[in-house]
PDB file of N, CA and C in Angstrom:
ATOM      1  N   MET A   1    -151.219 -66.607  10.676  1.00  0.00           N
ATOM      2  CA  MET A   1    -150.341 -65.579  10.342  1.00  0.00           C
ATOM      3  C   MET A   1    -150.678 -64.640  11.334  1.00  0.00           C
ATOM      4  N   GLU A   2    -149.829 -64.163  11.999  1.00  0.00           N
ATOM      5  CA  GLU A   2    -150.148 -63.207  12.996  1.00  0.00           C
ATOM      6  C   GLU A   2    -148.996 -61.908  12.910  1.00  0.00           C
ATOM      7  N   PHE A   3    -149.336 -60.736  13.174  1.00  0.00           N
ATOM      8  CA  PHE A   3    -149.010 -59.488  13.203  1.00  0.00           C
ATOM      9  C   PHE A   3    -147.852 -59.427  13.980  1.00  0.00           C
ATOM     10  N   ASP A   4    -146.547 -59.520  13.865  1.00  0.00           N
ATOM     11  CA  ASP A   4    -145.504 -59.144  14.451  1.00  0.00           C
ATOM     12  C   ASP A   4    -144.589 -57.983  14.762  1.00  0.00           C
ATOM     13  N   VAL A   5    -144.647 -57.665  15.967  1.00  0.00           N
ATOM     14  CA  VAL A   5    -144.852 -56.041  16.559  1.00  0.00           C
ATOM     15  C   VAL A   5    -143.142 -56.001  16.319  1.00  0.00           C
ATOM     16  N   ASN A   6    -142.612 -56.934  16.918  1.00  0.00           N
ATOM     17  CA  ASN A   6    -141.122 -56.627  16.651  1.00  0.00           C
ATOM     18  C   ASN A   6    -140.630 -56.077  15.273  1.00  0.00           C
ATOM     19  N   LEU A   7    -141.068 -56.584  14.538  1.00  0.00           N
ATOM     20  CA  LEU A   7    -141.093 -56.514  12.663  1.00  0.00           C
ATOM     21  C   LEU A   7    -140.945 -54.997  12.397  1.00  0.00           C
ATOM     22  N   LEU A   8    -142.380 -54.536  13.457  1.00  0.00           N
ATOM     23  CA  LEU A   8    -142.607 -52.861  13.133  1.00  0.00           C
ATOM     24  C   LEU A   8    -141.418 -52.114  13.969  1.00  0.00           C
ATOM     25  N   PHE A   9    -140.952 -52.535  14.957  1.00  0.00           N
ATOM     26  CA  PHE A   9    -139.790 -51.761  15.713  1.00  0.00           C
ATOM     27  C   PHE A   9    -138.793 -52.032  14.877  1.00  0.00           C
ATOM     28  N   ARG A  10    -138.451 -53.196  14.242  1.00  0.00           N
ATOM     29  CA  ARG A  10    -137.338 -53.292  13.468  1.00  0.00           C
ATOM     30  C   ARG A  10    -137.094 -52.298  12.329  1.00  0.00           C
ATOM     31  N   LEU A  11    -138.651 -52.311  11.492  1.00  0.00           N
ATOM     32  CA  LEU A  11    -138.289 -51.137  10.527  1.00  0.00           C
ATOM     33  C   LEU A  11    -137.947 -49.897  11.056  1.00  0.00           C
ATOM     34  N   ALA A  12    -138.876 -49.392  12.476  1.00  0.00           N
ATOM     35  CA  ALA A  12    -138.979 -48.168  12.552  1.00  0.00           C
ATOM     36  C   ALA A  12    -137.482 -47.895  12.839  1.00  0.00           C
ATOM     37  N   GLY A  13    -136.849 -48.628  13.698  1.00  0.00           N
ATOM     38  CA  GLY A  13    -135.184 -48.697  14.221  1.00  0.00           C
ATOM     39  C   GLY A  13    -134.282 -48.323  13.013  1.00  0.00           C
ATOM     40  N   ILE A  14    -134.569 -49.127  11.797  1.00  0.00           N
ATOM     41  CA  ILE A  14    -133.802 -49.313  10.771  1.00  0.00           C
ATOM     42  C   ILE A  14    -134.470 -47.287  10.278  1.00  0.00           C
ATOM     43  N   GLY A  15    -135.448 -47.066  10.003  1.00  0.00           N
ATOM     44  CA  GLY A  15    -135.339 -46.052   9.699  1.00  0.00           C
ATOM     45  C   GLY A  15    -134.666 -44.587  10.351  1.00  0.00           C
ATOM     46  N   ILE A  16    -134.909 -44.372  11.636  1.00  0.00           N
ATOM     47  CA  ILE A  16    -134.180 -43.864  12.694  1.00  0.00           C
ATOM     48  C   ILE A  16    -132.824 -43.818  12.361  1.00  0.00           C
ATOM     49  N   LEU A  17    -132.289 -45.079  12.593  1.00  0.00           N
ATOM     50  CA  LEU A  17    -130.621 -44.949  11.887  1.00  0.00           C
ATOM     51  C   LEU A  17    -130.574 -44.651  10.979  1.00  0.00           C
ATOM     52  N   ILE A  18    -131.072 -44.875  10.060  1.00  0.00           N
ATOM     53  CA  ILE A  18    -130.480 -44.081   8.293  1.00  0.00           C
ATOM     54  C   ILE A  18    -130.831 -43.051   8.585  1.00  0.00           C
ATOM     55  N   MET A  19    -131.878 -42.447   9.188  1.00  0.00           N
ATOM     56  CA  MET A  19    -132.041 -40.786   8.884  1.00  0.00           C
ATOM     57  C   MET A  19    -130.980 -40.130   9.832  1.00  0.00           C
ATOM     58  N   VAL A  20    -130.611 -40.512  11.117  1.00  0.00           N
ATOM     59  CA  VAL A  20    -129.389 -39.987  11.933  1.00  0.00           C
ATOM     60  C   VAL A  20    -128.374 -39.902  10.788  1.00  0.00           C
ATOM     61  N   PHE A  21    -127.879 -41.362  10.237  1.00  0.00           N
ATOM     62  CA  PHE A  21    -126.976 -41.218   9.820  1.00  0.00           C
ATOM     63  C   PHE A  21    -126.401 -40.377   8.445  1.00  0.00           C
ATOM     64  N   SER A  22    -127.823 -40.165   7.886  1.00  0.00           N
ATOM     65  CA  SER A  22    -127.957 -39.661   6.959  1.00  0.00           C
ATOM     66  C   SER A  22    -127.854 -38.235   6.861  1.00  0.00           C
ATOM     67  N   GLN A  23    -127.965 -37.790   8.275  1.00  0.00           N
ATOM     68  CA  GLN A  23    -127.881 -36.334   8.762  1.00  0.00           C
ATOM     69  C   GLN A  23    -126.534 -36.247   8.969  1.00  0.00           C
ATOM     70  N   VAL A  24    -125.934 -36.980   9.629  1.00  0.00           N
ATOM     71  CA  VAL A  24    -124.869 -36.893   9.715  1.00  0.00           C
ATOM     72  C   VAL A  24    -123.756 -36.511   8.812  1.00  0.00           C
ATOM     73  N   LEU A  25    -123.985 -37.456   7.449  1.00  0.00           N
ATOM     74  CA  LEU A  25    -123.270 -37.470   6.374  1.00  0.00           C
ATOM     75  C   LEU A  25    -123.625 -36.018   5.604  1.00  0.00           C
ATOM     76  N   THR A  26    -124.822 -35.722   5.567  1.00  0.00           N
ATOM     77  CA  THR A  26    -125.059 -34.399   4.988  1.00  0.00           C
ATOM     78  C   THR A  26    -124.284 -32.953   5.460  1.00  0.00           C
ATOM     79  N   GLN A  27    -124.755 -32.956   7.306  1.00  0.00           N
ATOM     80  CA  GLN A  27    -124.001 -32.079   7.497  1.00  0.00           C
ATOM     81  C   GLN A  27    -122.307 -32.340   7.303  1.00  0.00           C
ATOM     82  N   ALA A  28    -121.556 -33.240   6.749  1.00  0.00           N
ATOM     83  CA  ALA A  28    -119.834 -33.396   6.497  1.00  0.00           C
ATOM     84  C   ALA A  28    -119.758 -33.343   5.238  1.00  0.00           C
ATOM     85  N   ASP A  29    -120.884 -32.758   4.775  1.00  0.00           N
ATOM     86  CA  ASP A  29    -120.302 -32.188   3.294  1.00  0.00           C
ATOM     87  C   ASP A  29    -120.444 -33.397   2.268  1.00  0.00           C
ATOM     88  N   LYS A  30    -121.165 -35.016   2.634  1.00  0.00           N
ATOM     89  CA  LYS A  30    -121.081 -35.803   1.990  1.00  0.00           C
ATOM     90  C   LYS A  30    -122.449 -36.306   1.551  1.00  0.00           C
ATOM     91  N   LYS A  31    -122.740 -35.468   0.401  1.00  0.00           N
ATOM     92  CA  LYS A  31    -124.562 -35.844   0.061  1.00  0.00           C
ATOM     93  C   LYS A  31    -124.514 -37.035  -0.528  1.00  0.00           C
ATOM     94  N   GLU A  32    -123.798 -37.162  -1.370  1.00  0.00           N
ATOM     95  CA  GLU A  32    -123.465 -38.550  -2.157  1.00  0.00           C
ATOM     96  C   GLU A  32    -123.510 -39.818  -1.200  1.00  0.00           C
ATOM     97  N   GLN A  33    -123.093 -39.840  -0.552  1.00  0.00           N
ATOM     98  CA  GLN A  33    -122.671 -40.801   0.451  1.00  0.00           C
ATOM     99  C   GLN A  33    -124.172 -41.232   1.283  1.00  0.00           C
ATOM    100  N   ALA A  34    -124.763 -39.882   1.547  1.00  0.00           N
ATOM    101  CA  ALA A  34    -126.158 -39.672   2.492  1.00  0.00           C
ATOM    102  C   ALA A  34    -127.148 -40.353   1.553  1.00  0.00           C
ATOM    103  N   GLN A  35    -126.892 -40.082   0.290  1.00  0.00           N
ATOM    104  CA  GLN A  35    -128.420 -40.422  -0.621  1.00  0.00           C
ATOM    105  C   GLN A  35    -127.712 -42.077  -1.215  1.00  0.00           C
ATOM    106  N   LEU A  36    -126.832 -42.672  -1.108  1.00  0.00           N
ATOM    107  CA  LEU A  36    -126.583 -44.002  -1.104  1.00  0.00           C
ATOM    108  C   LEU A  36    -126.649 -44.775   0.027  1.00  0.00           C
ATOM    109  N   LEU A  37    -126.923 -44.178   1.340  1.00  0.00           N
ATOM    110  CA  LEU A  37    -127.208 -45.230   2.690  1.00  0.00           C
ATOM    111  C   LEU A  37    -128.596 -44.800   2.533  1.00  0.00           C
ATOM    112  N   THR A  38    -129.380 -43.818   2.288  1.00  0.00           N
ATOM    113  CA  THR A  38    -131.058 -43.997   2.224  1.00  0.00           C
ATOM    114  C   THR A  38    -131.398 -44.464   1.093  1.00  0.00           C
ATOM    115  N   LEU A  39    -130.674 -45.419   0.232  1.00  0.00           N
ATOM    116  CA  LEU A  39    -130.962 -45.757  -0.853  1.00  0.00           C
ATOM    117  C   LEU A  39    -131.217 -47.158  -0.018  1.00  0.00           C
ATOM    118  N   ALA A  40    -129.866 -47.568   0.266  1.00  0.00           N
ATOM    119  CA  ALA A  40    -129.357 -49.068   1.006  1.00  0.00           C
ATOM    120  C   ALA A  40    -130.593 -49.136   1.950  1.00  0.00           C
ATOM    121  N   GLY A  41    -131.294 -48.155   2.825  1.00  0.00           N
ATOM    122  CA  GLY A  41    -132.249 -48.574   3.813  1.00  0.00           C
ATOM    123  C   GLY A  41    -133.236 -48.457   3.347  1.00  0.00           C
ATOM    124  N   VAL A  42    -133.455 -47.884   1.930  1.00  0.00           N
ATOM    125  CA  VAL A  42    -134.933 -48.161   1.322  1.00  0.00           C
ATOM    126  C   VAL A  42    -134.797 -50.005   0.491  1.00  0.00           C
ATOM    127  N   VAL A  43    -133.836 -49.904   0.022  1.00  0.00           N
ATOM    128  CA  VAL A  43    -133.503 -51.882  -0.418  1.00  0.00           C
ATOM    129  C   VAL A  43    -134.024 -52.831   1.119  1.00  0.00           C
ATOM    130  N   ILE A  44    -133.024 -52.629   2.072  1.00  0.00           N
ATOM    131  CA  ILE A  44    -133.240 -53.357   3.188  1.00  0.00           C
ATOM    132  C   ILE A  44    -134.532 -53.605   3.719  1.00  0.00           C
ATOM    133  N   VAL A  45    -135.601 -52.252   3.725  1.00  0.00           N
ATOM    134  CA  VAL A  45    -136.938 -52.234   4.215  1.00  0.00           C
ATOM    135  C   VAL A  45    -137.712 -53.064   2.994  1.00  0.00           C
ATOM    136  N   MET A  46    -137.580 -52.517   1.891  1.00  0.00           N
ATOM    137  CA  MET A  46    -138.218 -53.535   0.765  1.00  0.00           C
ATOM    138  C   MET A  46    -137.937 -54.813   0.891  1.00  0.00           C
ATOM    139  N   MET A  47    -136.926 -55.339   1.195  1.00  0.00           N
ATOM    140  CA  MET A  47    -136.882 -56.959   1.353  1.00  0.00           C
ATOM    141  C   MET A  47    -137.495 -57.345   2.271  1.00  0.00           C
ATOM    142  N   PHE A  48    -137.577 -56.626   3.783  1.00  0.00           N
ATOM    143  CA  PHE A  48    -138.626 -56.866   4.595  1.00  0.00           C
ATOM    144  C   PHE A  48    -140.308 -56.782   4.450  1.00  0.00           C
ATOM    145  N   VAL A  49    -140.298 -56.202   3.329  1.00  0.00           N
ATOM    146  CA  VAL A  49    -141.630 -55.748   2.876  1.00  0.00           C
ATOM    147  C   VAL A  49    -142.424 -56.927   2.066  1.00  0.00           C
ATOM    148  N   VAL A  50    -141.255 -57.447   1.152  1.00  0.00           N
ATOM    149  CA  VAL A  50    -141.415 -58.370  -0.133  1.00  0.00           C
ATOM    150  C   VAL A  50    -141.583 -59.690   0.355  1.00  0.00           C
ATOM    151  N   ASN A  51    -140.839 -59.976   1.855  1.00  0.00           N
ATOM    152  CA  ASN A  51    -140.764 -61.087   2.287  1.00  0.00           C
ATOM    153  C   ASN A  51    -142.253 -61.240   3.270  1.00  0.00           C
ATOM    154  N   MET A  52    -143.011 -60.048   3.858  1.00  0.00           N
ATOM    155  CA  MET A  52    -144.185 -60.135   4.447  1.00  0.00           C
ATOM    156  C   MET A  52    -145.333 -60.501   3.607  1.00  0.00           C
ATOM    157  N   ILE A  53    -145.060 -60.048   2.135  1.00  0.00           N
ATOM    158  CA  ILE A  53    -145.890 -59.929   1.241  1.00  0.00           C
ATOM    159  C   ILE A  53    -146.197 -61.875   0.856  1.00  0.00           C
ATOM    160  N   GLY A  54    -144.882 -62.201   0.425  1.00  0.00           N
ATOM    161  CA  GLY A  54    -144.790 -63.906   0.464  1.00  0.00           C
ATOM    162  C   GLY A  54    -145.294 -64.536   1.527  1.00  0.00           C
ATOM    163  N   ARG A  55    -145.528 -64.197   2.466  1.00  0.00           N
ATOM    164  CA  ARG A  55    -145.868 -64.791   3.222  1.00  0.00           C
ATOM    165  C   ARG A  55    -147.579 -64.540   3.738  1.00  0.00           C
ATOM    166  N   LEU A  56    -148.114 -63.577   3.280  1.00  0.00           N
ATOM    167  CA  LEU A  56    -149.210 -63.089   3.167  1.00  0.00           C
ATOM    168  C   LEU A  56    -149.696 -63.907   1.894  1.00  0.00           C
ATOM    169  N   PHE A  57    -149.159 -64.006   0.788  1.00  0.00           N
ATOM    170  CA  PHE A  57    -149.715 -65.055  -0.127  1.00  0.00           C
ATOM    171  C   PHE A  57    -149.425 -66.319   0.022  1.00  0.00           C
ATOM    172  N   ASN A  58    -148.770 -66.954   0.591  1.00  0.00           N
ATOM    173  CA  ASN A  58    -148.775 -68.297   1.262  1.00  0.00           C
ATOM    174  C   ASN A  58    -150.060 -68.804   2.014  1.00  0.00           C
ATOM    175  N   ALA A  59    -150.004 -67.688   2.969  1.00  0.00           N
ATOM    176  CA  ALA A  59    -151.540 -67.798   4.020  1.00  0.00           C
ATOM    177  C   ALA A  59    -152.503 -67.754   3.291  1.00  0.00           C
ATOM    178  N   VAL A  60    -152.675 -67.457   2.289  1.00  0.00           N
ATOM    179  CA  VAL A  60    -153.996 -67.094   1.249  1.00  0.00           C
ATOM    180  C   VAL A  60    -154.231 -68.212   0.393  1.00  0.00           C
ATOM    181  N   ARG A  61    -152.911 -68.572   0.125  1.00  0.00           N
ATOM    182  CA  ARG A  61    -153.224 -69.924  -0.952  1.00  0.00           C
ATOM    183  C   ARG A  61    -153.776 -71.119   0.254  1.00  0.00           C
ATOM    184  N   THR A  62    -152.910 -71.475   1.314  1.00  0.00           N
ATOM    185  CA  THR A  62    -153.284 -72.292   2.486  1.00  0.00           C
ATOM    186  C   THR A  62    -154.860 -72.311   2.753  1.00  0.00           C
ATOM    187  N   ILE A  63    -154.995 -70.859   2.935  1.00  0.00           N
ATOM    188  CA  ILE A  63    -156.914 -71.241   2.986  1.00  0.00           C
ATOM    189  C   ILE A  63    -157.618 -71.596   2.369  1.00  0.00           C
ATOM    190  N   PHE A  64    -157.091 -71.163   0.872  1.00  0.00           N
ATOM    191  CA  PHE A  64    -158.559 -71.296  -0.322  1.00  0.00           C
ATOM    192  C   PHE A  64    -157.692 -72.845  -0.637  1.00  0.00           C
ATOM    193  N   ASN A  65    -156.738 -73.400  -0.347  1.00  0.00           N
ATOM    194  CA  ASN A  65    -156.028 -74.475  -0.902  1.00  0.00           C
ATOM    195  C   ASN A  65    -156.192 -74.839  -2.210  1.00  0.00           C
ATOM    196  N   ILE A  66    -155.264 -73.758  -2.820  1.00  0.00           N
ATOM    197  CA  ILE A  66    -154.933 -73.285  -3.941  1.00  0.00           C
ATOM    198  C   ILE A  66    -153.178 -73.860  -4.360  1.00  0.00           C
ATOM    199  N   TYR A  67    -153.131 -74.650  -4.888  1.00  0.00           N
ATOM    200  CA  TYR A  67    -151.901 -75.313  -4.972  1.00  0.00           C
ATOM    201  C   TYR A  67    -151.208 -74.787  -6.577  1.00  0.00           C
TER     202      TYR A  67
END
């Protein structure tokens, strides 16, 4: 298991896009949609993080040969 720099850039890109779109929606007096967009961004990033944690547990299980 190696650290994937592309994943880091992908997460940063998602964060920047969500921030920009949220600011645009806030300036357009659509605060509810901006909050929903931010929540959707958090959910997407959490899916990436949960996937990475799952891969970490699989690597640990493989190292210690626990089935």
